[in-house]
Amino acid sequence: MTNGETDAGKGGHGDAVNRIVLVTGVSGAGRSTALKSFEDLGYEAVDNLPLTLLESVVLGGPADRPPLAVGVDIRTRDFGVESVISGLDRLLASGKVSVTLLFLDCEDDVLVRRFTETRRRHPLAAERPVVDGLRLERRMLADLHKRSDLTIDTAQLSPGALKDEISRRFAIGRQSGLALLITSFSYRYGLPREADLVFDARFLTNPHYDPALREMTGQDSPVGEFIARDEDFSTFLDGLGAMLSVLLPRYEKEGKSYLTIAVGCTGGRHRSVYVAERLGKMLGSDGRRIHLTHRDIQRGAGQDMR
């Protein structure tokens, strides 16, 4: 997906005046920052709106109102996952709005550090350790997470980076359709939590063991040429293209708004980066909106990649 592009979410309405984003997720993952980002984009942002008022606020506004971002979390009065989902279903059934359910997630150790640094209490922890509140909250939100249209993992995002991510996906006045995020990553640092499809590039010959290539990345042409010479690279890439040519139209038919494709290797700097770059060009050539990131390209330089 290119900068500033977005889709309108489920519901089939692409006009900004009909666009609603419900922003939820685990406490400490950046919901307040996200709502501020939506406000900066021109959305009308409302936080902790009682769920009994959700439909009247969303459906009762003027026709020329700006798009709306509504923050919903466990602190919301009358909060309940079933209430949120049933409210979401009623909004979609009205046929008047396009609704995207955005779920903000983050690794527990990062969340614990954030709560510790800010000296805030987790709303479900009381006098207990933060991690206990997080576990309970994750259980409460599990069904809502499954229902979400888009998950953004904020563990490695600064507030500015989260704002950029939201701007890329939700800027007003952009075209609708399936938005593709392609990211490379290192298996050392875990799978991307938001990934829908994961492909493993570790079978390809590793440029790390060539001293002339070790400090380069998959964005450098000598590394790309090295990887492309692997006897199975072309077959692998062509196979990915053929599979995705079948899958992507089906995801679109099912109403999926976002799809994250992750390509991993050991260090996240060479093979996965090059494959992700090539895959992005291949899918972008079909006119699809692509946003390409390399999660771990700056990590692990010079380390032993056995």
Protein backbone atom coordinates (compact mmCIF):
# COMPACT_ATOMS: atom_id res chain seq x y z
CA MET A 1 0.00 0.00 0.00
CA THR A 2 1.39 3.37 -0.95
CA ASN A 3 1.53 6.27 1.50
CA GLY A 4 -1.84 7.86 2.16
CA GLU A 5 -3.88 5.06 0.65
CA THR A 6 -6.64 3.34 2.53
CA ASP A 7 -9.84 1.43 2.13
CA ALA A 8 -13.21 2.05 3.62
CA GLY A 9 -13.56 -1.26 5.43
CA LYS A 10 -16.55 -3.59 5.22
CA GLY A 11 -19.94 -2.47 4.12
CA GLY A 12 -19.32 -1.45 0.52
CA HIS A 13 -19.38 2.31 1.00
CA GLY A 14 -16.30 4.22 -0.07
CA ASP A 15 -17.41 7.80 0.72
CA ALA A 16 -15.59 9.43 3.62
CA VAL A 17 -18.89 10.74 5.09
CA ASN A 18 -20.03 7.15 5.60
CA ARG A 19 -16.77 5.86 7.05
CA ILE A 20 -16.65 4.63 10.66
CA VAL A 21 -13.58 3.17 12.37
CA LEU A 22 -14.05 1.41 15.71
CA VAL A 23 -10.71 1.52 17.52
CA THR A 24 -10.16 -1.09 20.22
CA GLY A 25 -7.41 -3.35 21.56
CA VAL A 26 -5.43 -4.16 24.68
CA SER A 27 -4.77 -1.41 27.22
CA GLY A 28 -1.48 0.37 26.63
CA ALA A 29 -1.27 -0.56 22.95
CA GLY A 30 -1.82 3.02 21.76
CA ARG A 31 -5.55 3.57 21.41
CA SER A 32 -5.37 7.20 22.59
CA THR A 33 -2.51 7.89 20.19
CA ALA A 34 -4.49 6.26 17.39
CA LEU A 35 -7.58 8.38 18.07
CA LYS A 36 -5.47 11.53 18.08
CA SER A 37 -4.00 10.43 14.75
CA PHE A 38 -7.48 9.98 13.28
CA GLU A 39 -8.42 13.43 14.55
CA ASP A 40 -5.36 14.90 12.82
CA LEU A 41 -6.50 13.22 9.60
CA GLY A 42 -9.84 15.01 9.78
CA TYR A 43 -11.94 12.37 11.49
CA GLU A 44 -14.34 13.19 14.29
CA ALA A 45 -12.86 11.24 17.20
CA VAL A 46 -14.95 10.03 20.15
CA ASP A 47 -13.50 8.04 23.05
CA ASN A 48 -15.27 5.74 25.49
CA LEU A 49 -18.69 6.33 23.98
CA PRO A 50 -21.30 4.27 25.88
CA LEU A 51 -22.29 1.39 23.65
CA THR A 52 -25.99 2.18 24.12
CA LEU A 53 -25.34 5.44 22.27
CA LEU A 54 -23.19 3.99 19.48
CA GLU A 55 -25.91 3.52 16.87
CA SER A 56 -27.60 6.85 17.53
CA VAL A 57 -24.29 8.72 17.27
CA VAL A 58 -23.14 6.89 14.15
CA LEU A 59 -26.45 6.85 12.28
CA GLY A 60 -27.98 10.04 13.61
CA GLY A 61 -25.43 12.57 12.42
CA PRO A 62 -25.78 14.95 9.47
CA ALA A 63 -25.16 13.60 5.98
CA ASP A 64 -22.11 15.80 5.51
CA ARG A 65 -20.40 14.85 8.77
CA PRO A 66 -16.71 13.93 8.66
CA PRO A 67 -15.69 10.28 9.00
CA LEU A 68 -15.89 9.02 12.56
CA ALA A 69 -13.35 7.18 14.76
CA VAL A 70 -14.78 5.71 17.96
CA GLY A 71 -12.60 4.39 20.76
CA VAL A 72 -13.99 1.34 22.56
CA ASP A 73 -12.21 -0.57 25.32
CA ILE A 74 -12.82 -2.31 28.63
CA ARG A 75 -13.22 1.05 30.39
CA THR A 76 -16.19 1.95 28.18
CA ARG A 77 -19.43 2.07 30.12
CA ASP A 78 -21.55 -1.08 29.52
CA PHE A 79 -18.61 -2.64 27.64
CA GLY A 80 -19.02 -6.23 26.54
CA VAL A 81 -17.58 -8.05 23.55
CA GLU A 82 -21.00 -9.37 22.57
CA SER A 83 -22.41 -5.83 22.79
CA VAL A 84 -19.68 -4.47 20.53
CA ILE A 85 -20.12 -7.25 17.97
CA SER A 86 -23.91 -6.99 17.94
CA GLY A 87 -23.66 -3.21 17.58
CA LEU A 88 -21.21 -3.68 14.73
CA ASP A 89 -23.58 -6.11 13.02
CA ARG A 90 -26.47 -3.67 13.30
CA LEU A 91 -24.40 -0.86 11.82
CA LEU A 92 -23.42 -3.05 8.88
CA ALA A 93 -26.99 -4.22 8.41
CA SER A 94 -28.18 -0.62 8.18
CA GLY A 95 -26.45 -0.27 4.81
CA LYS A 96 -25.69 3.36 5.64
CA VAL A 97 -22.08 3.17 6.79
CA SER A 98 -18.78 1.49 6.07
CA VAL A 99 -17.29 0.10 9.27
CA THR A 100 -13.72 -0.99 9.99
CA LEU A 101 -12.89 -2.63 13.31
CA LEU A 102 -9.28 -1.76 14.15
CA PHE A 103 -7.58 -3.79 16.90
CA LEU A 104 -4.35 -2.50 18.45
CA ASP A 105 -2.15 -5.22 19.90
CA CYS A 106 1.26 -5.35 21.54
CA GLU A 107 3.57 -7.87 23.20
CA ASP A 108 3.01 -8.29 26.94
CA ASP A 109 6.59 -7.47 27.95
CA VAL A 110 6.39 -4.17 26.05
CA LEU A 111 3.03 -3.37 27.64
CA VAL A 112 4.37 -4.11 31.12
CA ARG A 113 7.29 -1.77 30.46
CA ARG A 114 4.94 0.98 29.25
CA PHE A 115 2.76 0.73 32.34
CA THR A 116 5.83 0.70 34.57
CA GLU A 117 7.43 3.71 32.90
CA THR A 118 4.25 5.78 33.05
CA ARG A 119 3.33 4.51 36.56
CA ARG A 120 -0.16 3.74 35.35
CA ARG A 121 -2.24 0.86 36.62
CA HIS A 122 -3.80 -1.61 34.26
CA PRO A 123 -7.60 -1.17 34.58
CA LEU A 124 -8.06 -4.87 35.39
CA ALA A 125 -5.01 -5.37 37.57
CA ALA A 126 -5.93 -3.29 40.65
CA GLU A 127 -3.28 -4.25 43.22
CA ARG A 128 -2.12 -7.27 41.25
CA PRO A 129 0.77 -7.37 38.74
CA VAL A 130 0.12 -5.75 35.38
CA VAL A 131 0.61 -9.05 33.56
CA ASP A 132 -2.39 -10.53 35.43
CA GLY A 133 -4.61 -7.75 34.12
CA LEU A 134 -3.26 -8.24 30.60
CA ARG A 135 -4.03 -11.96 30.64
CA LEU A 136 -7.59 -11.34 31.79
CA GLU A 137 -8.06 -8.58 29.21
CA ARG A 138 -6.79 -10.80 26.37
CA ARG A 139 -9.29 -13.49 27.32
CA MET A 140 -12.08 -10.92 27.37
CA LEU A 141 -11.11 -9.48 23.99
CA ALA A 142 -10.31 -12.75 22.16
CA ASP A 143 -13.55 -12.88 20.14
CA LEU A 144 -13.35 -9.17 19.32
CA HIS A 145 -9.78 -9.63 18.09
CA LYS A 146 -10.90 -12.47 15.83
CA ARG A 147 -13.67 -10.29 14.41
CA SER A 148 -11.37 -7.32 13.68
CA ASP A 149 -10.77 -6.21 10.10
CA LEU A 150 -7.26 -5.03 10.84
CA THR A 151 -4.72 -5.61 13.62
CA ILE A 152 -1.77 -3.26 14.11
CA ASP A 153 1.01 -4.47 16.40
CA THR A 154 2.49 -1.42 18.13
CA ALA A 155 5.32 -3.20 19.98
CA GLN A 156 7.99 -1.71 17.75
CA LEU A 157 6.14 1.47 16.74
CA SER A 158 6.81 4.90 18.19
CA PRO A 159 3.80 7.24 18.48
CA GLY A 160 4.95 8.93 15.28
CA ALA A 161 5.29 5.60 13.47
CA LEU A 162 1.79 4.57 14.58
CA LYS A 163 0.44 7.87 13.27
CA ASP A 164 2.17 7.24 9.93
CA GLU A 165 0.71 3.72 9.80
CA ILE A 166 -2.81 5.00 10.39
CA SER A 167 -2.33 7.75 7.83
CA ARG A 168 -1.24 5.23 5.21
CA ARG A 169 -4.27 3.08 5.81
CA PHE A 170 -7.05 5.53 6.63
CA ALA A 171 -6.34 8.85 4.92
CA ILE A 172 -9.60 10.45 3.76
CA GLY A 173 -10.60 10.35 0.11
CA ARG A 174 -8.62 7.33 -1.01
CA GLN A 175 -9.81 4.38 -3.02
CA SER A 176 -11.36 1.25 -1.60
CA GLY A 177 -10.38 -2.37 -2.14
CA LEU A 178 -8.08 -4.98 -0.64
CA ALA A 179 -4.98 -3.30 0.82
CA LEU A 180 -1.81 -5.39 0.98
CA LEU A 181 0.94 -4.98 3.55
CA ILE A 182 4.06 -6.97 2.73
CA THR A 183 6.67 -7.17 5.47
CA SER A 184 9.96 -8.98 5.89
CA PHE A 185 10.99 -10.19 9.34
CA SER A 186 13.53 -12.18 11.31
CA TYR A 187 12.48 -15.45 12.94
CA ARG A 188 14.85 -14.50 15.77
CA TYR A 189 12.39 -11.84 16.89
CA GLY A 190 9.18 -13.79 16.36
CA LEU A 191 6.41 -13.86 13.81
CA PRO A 192 4.64 -10.57 13.03
CA ARG A 193 1.50 -10.72 15.14
CA GLU A 194 -0.63 -9.13 12.43
CA ALA A 195 0.42 -11.54 9.66
CA ASP A 196 -2.32 -13.30 7.69
CA LEU A 197 0.05 -15.29 5.46
CA VAL A 198 3.63 -16.25 6.38
CA PHE A 199 6.28 -17.55 3.97
CA ASP A 200 9.68 -18.91 5.00
CA ALA A 201 12.68 -17.94 2.87
CA ARG A 202 15.30 -19.69 5.03
CA PHE A 203 15.78 -22.47 2.49
CA LEU A 204 17.47 -20.05 0.09
CA THR A 205 21.27 -19.75 0.07
CA ASN A 206 22.24 -17.25 2.78
CA PRO A 207 24.25 -14.16 1.70
CA HIS A 208 25.31 -13.66 5.33
CA TYR A 209 28.16 -16.10 4.84
CA ASP A 210 29.66 -14.09 2.01
CA PRO A 211 31.87 -11.47 3.75
CA ALA A 212 31.37 -9.04 0.88
CA LEU A 213 27.59 -9.17 1.31
CA ARG A 214 27.20 -9.58 5.07
CA GLU A 215 26.78 -5.90 5.94
CA MET A 216 24.47 -5.24 2.97
CA THR A 217 20.74 -5.93 2.88
CA GLY A 218 18.28 -7.41 0.42
CA GLN A 219 17.72 -3.92 -0.96
CA ASP A 220 21.28 -3.85 -2.32
CA SER A 221 21.64 -5.19 -5.86
CA PRO A 222 24.64 -7.49 -5.15
CA VAL A 223 22.60 -9.28 -2.48
CA GLY A 224 19.59 -9.53 -4.76
CA GLU A 225 21.69 -10.97 -7.57
CA PHE A 226 23.19 -13.52 -5.17
CA ILE A 227 19.76 -14.68 -3.96
CA ALA A 228 18.26 -14.72 -7.46
CA ARG A 229 20.98 -17.15 -8.56
CA ASP A 230 19.67 -19.81 -6.15
CA GLU A 231 18.37 -22.61 -8.35
CA ASP A 232 15.01 -22.69 -6.53
CA PHE A 233 14.40 -18.96 -6.21
CA SER A 234 12.46 -18.46 -9.46
CA THR A 235 10.29 -21.51 -8.83
CA PHE A 236 9.56 -20.27 -5.31
CA LEU A 237 8.64 -16.74 -6.40
CA ASP A 238 6.54 -17.93 -9.33
CA GLY A 239 4.74 -20.33 -7.00
CA LEU A 240 3.94 -17.53 -4.57
CA GLY A 241 2.58 -15.42 -7.39
CA ALA A 242 0.43 -18.25 -8.71
CA MET A 243 -0.99 -19.02 -5.27
CA LEU A 244 -1.73 -15.40 -4.46
CA SER A 245 -3.41 -14.88 -7.83
CA VAL A 246 -6.00 -17.39 -6.61
CA LEU A 247 -6.19 -16.28 -2.97
CA LEU A 248 -6.42 -12.50 -3.29
CA PRO A 249 -9.60 -12.38 -5.39
CA ARG A 250 -11.22 -14.81 -2.95
CA TYR A 251 -10.26 -12.66 0.04
CA GLU A 252 -11.76 -9.66 -1.76
CA LYS A 253 -14.93 -11.61 -2.51
CA GLU A 254 -15.26 -12.45 1.18
CA GLY A 255 -15.06 -8.75 2.02
CA LYS A 256 -11.60 -8.72 3.56
CA SER A 257 -10.22 -5.18 3.65
CA TYR A 258 -6.59 -5.76 4.64
CA LEU A 259 -4.13 -8.59 4.11
CA THR A 260 -0.69 -8.80 5.65
CA ILE A 261 1.86 -11.04 3.93
CA ALA A 262 5.01 -11.76 5.94
CA VAL A 263 8.26 -13.21 4.56
CA GLY A 264 10.81 -14.41 7.08
CA CYS A 265 14.42 -15.51 7.19
CA THR A 266 16.92 -15.98 9.99
CA GLY A 267 18.22 -12.44 10.35
CA GLY A 268 15.52 -10.46 8.54
CA ARG A 269 18.08 -8.50 6.49
CA HIS A 270 18.84 -10.41 3.29
CA ARG A 271 16.64 -13.19 1.90
CA SER A 272 13.30 -12.10 3.39
CA VAL A 273 13.91 -8.48 2.37
CA TYR A 274 14.69 -9.38 -1.22
CA VAL A 275 11.74 -11.78 -1.53
CA ALA A 276 9.39 -9.17 -0.04
CA GLU A 277 10.68 -6.54 -2.46
CA ARG A 278 10.20 -8.81 -5.46
CA LEU A 279 6.77 -9.93 -4.26
CA GLY A 280 5.72 -6.30 -3.80
CA LYS A 281 6.73 -5.43 -7.36
CA MET A 282 4.96 -8.50 -8.71
CA LEU A 283 1.67 -7.78 -6.95
CA GLY A 284 1.92 -4.04 -7.52
CA SER A 285 2.24 -4.58 -11.25
CA ASP A 286 -1.35 -5.84 -11.21
CA GLY A 287 -2.51 -2.46 -9.95
CA ARG A 288 -2.93 -3.52 -6.34
CA ARG A 289 -2.18 -1.12 -3.50
CA ILE A 290 0.97 -2.22 -1.73
CA HIS A 291 2.68 -1.02 1.42
CA LEU A 292 6.11 -2.57 1.92
CA THR A 293 7.98 -2.64 5.23
CA HIS A 294 11.06 -4.42 6.58
CA ARG A 295 10.55 -4.96 10.28
CA ASP A 296 14.01 -6.15 11.27
CA ILE A 297 16.28 -4.83 8.55
CA GLN A 298 18.20 -2.66 11.03
CA ARG A 299 18.51 -5.36 13.67
CA GLY A 300 21.13 -8.05 13.99
CA ALA A 301 23.73 -6.61 11.63
CA GLY A 302 26.98 -8.49 12.04
CA GLN A 303 25.51 -11.28 14.17
CA ASP A 304 26.13 -14.94 13.48
CA MET A 305 23.13 -16.23 11.50
CA ARG A 306 23.36 -19.96 11.93
